[in-house]
Amino acid sequence: MINSNPFSFAKASDYSDEEINKLWIDISENFVEAVIEPTLRKSKFILGGKGTGKTHLLRHYSYNATKLRSSNLTGLDIVNQHQSLGVFLRANALDASRFICLNDIDISKWQQLFGVHLELKLAEDLFSILIDIEKTTPNVKFNNHDFIKLLSTYVLNENEFSNLVDLISVKNWIHQQLKKIDNAINAYAFTKSLDIIPPFSLGTFSIKIKNAIDIWHPSFKNIPLLYLIDEIENFYTESQQEIINTLIRYSSGSVTFRISGRLYALKTYSTIGNGEENREDVEFKKTYLDDILQEVSNYKDFAYSFVKERLVYEKIIDSNSFNLSKCFENVNKNNHYKEFIDYLNFNNGKDFKFINGFIETLKEIPNIIEPNDIEELLNILTRDFSIILKKHNILRFAKEYKSDESYLATANKIRNDCTLFIQDPKDPSIKSYRDSYSSWRKDLIAQLNKESSKPMIYAGLDTFIEMSSGNPRNLLSILGAAYDLARFKNIDFINGKPLSIEDQSKAVLDSARFIFEQDSNFGRPSDLARDAVKNLCELLRVARFALNIPEVSPLLISFSDEGLTKQSKETLQSALNYSFIFEIKNGRPNRNNLKINRKFSLNPMISPIYGLPISKRGDIGLPPNLVNAIFDFNRAKEFEALLKNYNIKWNQPFTRDESSLAHNDLFNF
């Protein structure tokens, strides 16, 4: 193994354009074009959680990255072939905190200065591109004279600008204007006076420059100019984001913006001077990358190629034909998980907590199950069956029990179905039993895993891909943790024996804790969201490890938000913003009315911390009082009481009379 970790992730902004191209893998055909939409005649916000590839997408579409992919072409040919001119700018390159006004008097001055500074930075990068196009396209005449002449009409000192003779001199002029702004800001610290006259009015230079470019060479007349601005959240104040909104309002169809940001990045849609708000689908469009990535049908294929490309790039493997899945040991599902259950190392079947817990549950309800029938009932459900089938039969009994039917008859029906299932799993007469086992087996194995002394197992590359939820950074986080652990233990799982399920699970847990506890600290909103999600995880944990598991693979919840408190709504939105949870678009039809309840999934990257599933199956419907108790920190004590009630409800399926229960912690092991 090499010392450097091939799966370590740096900020995309730290990669060179060459690395952006070298490590690039298309998720699907025309995926980039579908997100960027270069011919769209309105601007676009591209929003997504950390690691969804926002920066990669913008940089991939920039002229500088495109040039490296077409090194045999002239600059003009590259633009004509690509049919767009992409100018990439990182928002943090402006150091926007310098432009925050500290009094109420000069707010407009600082806002205007920030806007002019932004336009100059965009123009600076644009001129670097134009200079490169001119340099790499010999024997083609570019009309520098008329280009500069028209530009001069956009600035306040037209005579000074008209004396410029070529693109390099214009770029030098831009440098001088940027330096003047820097000097004025530095002087303000001492003089408390912002003494500078901007070289042009806001929205004049960066937008109208397209008219001059069309004169510079006629090839550009049908080429859209795209300003690709990355990480808009680094424009910290509403007044700074009003500048972007104003430029969007000023821009024409041939000059548009593609602006990336986190889910919480946008602070306002207003323009400057208390102007109108820009309207979605009129002045701009919005795209949410998380939603797109989670719906990509071939994400698994992309993930395999994405990982292999890194290993090839680092020369750890020779080709993309390498079978990556063989690097990771998988849980053997054959013979009812016998090999895995042997690994769990249960000493004595009589000591199974789930058996003892089931017996105690039957005993605690008087006159429901006759005490003399308990042993017979247990034998019917479990005798001579494998451990996981014992658990499944007990779960089936909990779900099929009816007070007006013979419980022994119900148990015998389950036993008969189980026997037929063992003899012929495809027997059509036991479809219900077969489907039940297929649905619940992962939850049942998780319960056995929890009952053992072994760590909760999350193993296999396909498991990691599913956990990542369409986010390549999440996948790299897991694989990076696995590589670090293997390197520490001197294990070459790439070219040697596969990494054990236990080592994989340790790496997954480390990655989960990093993502949830260290990589998402953004102050009080993220802290409140994290605490709320911990509450949600506790509820889902009670559900998954209950005797009567309420839903298959409990990872989803649904509810109406009509009765939510203001604090609950704010914390819920923060949990979405920081990708602790995801919203499922189609929602859940309310059984009592025609309305659609909102439906949410826990981010599966958090699941290992609480032993939760990673697959999205059934959702648990929650009433408003429980949702408020989860998401409103003012109701913490109420949550504890409600959680206790749900623990009772899901662990005692044989009565609805909670007052008759002797205890409620039988399955809280």
Foldseek 3Di string as FASTA:
>chain_A
DDPDFLLDDDPPVPDDLVVLVLLDDDLDPCPLCVQCVQLFLFAEEEAEFPQLCLVSSLSCLALVSLCVVVVVDALLVSCLVSLAHEQEDEPCVLVLVLLDDPDPPCNVVSLFLSLLLVLLVSVLSVLVSVVRNDVRDPPDAFCQLQLQQVLLVQWPNSVVSNPDDGSVSVSVVSVVQNVVQVVQSVCCVPVVDRDDDHGGGRLRRNACSLVSRCNRDVSSPSRAYEYEYEALLSNPDLSNVLSVLVNLVSHGSSYYYYYYHFPPRDDAQHHPPRHDGDDDPPNYHYHYSLVVLLPSPSLVVSLLQSVVSSCCVVPVDPDSVADQQQLWDDQDPPPNSVVVLVVLPDPDPVPQLLLVLLLVLVPLFPPQDPNVCSVVLLCLQDPPDDPLSSLLLLLQLLVPDDSVDDSSVVSNVSSVLVVVCVVPVPPVVNVVSSVSCVQASVLSVLLSSVSGPAAQFQITLVSQSLLCSSRSSSSSQLSSLLVVLCVVVVHDSRPDHHDYRRSSLVSLLVSLCCLLPPVQDDPDLSVLLSQLVVLVLLLQLLLSQASNNPWGQEFKAWEACPPADPQLVSSVVSCCSNQQKDWDPVADQDPVDRDGTTMMGGNSSNCSVRSGDSDDDDYHYDYRVQSNCSRPPVNVVVSVVVSQVVLQCRHNSSDPPSVSGPDRCSRVD
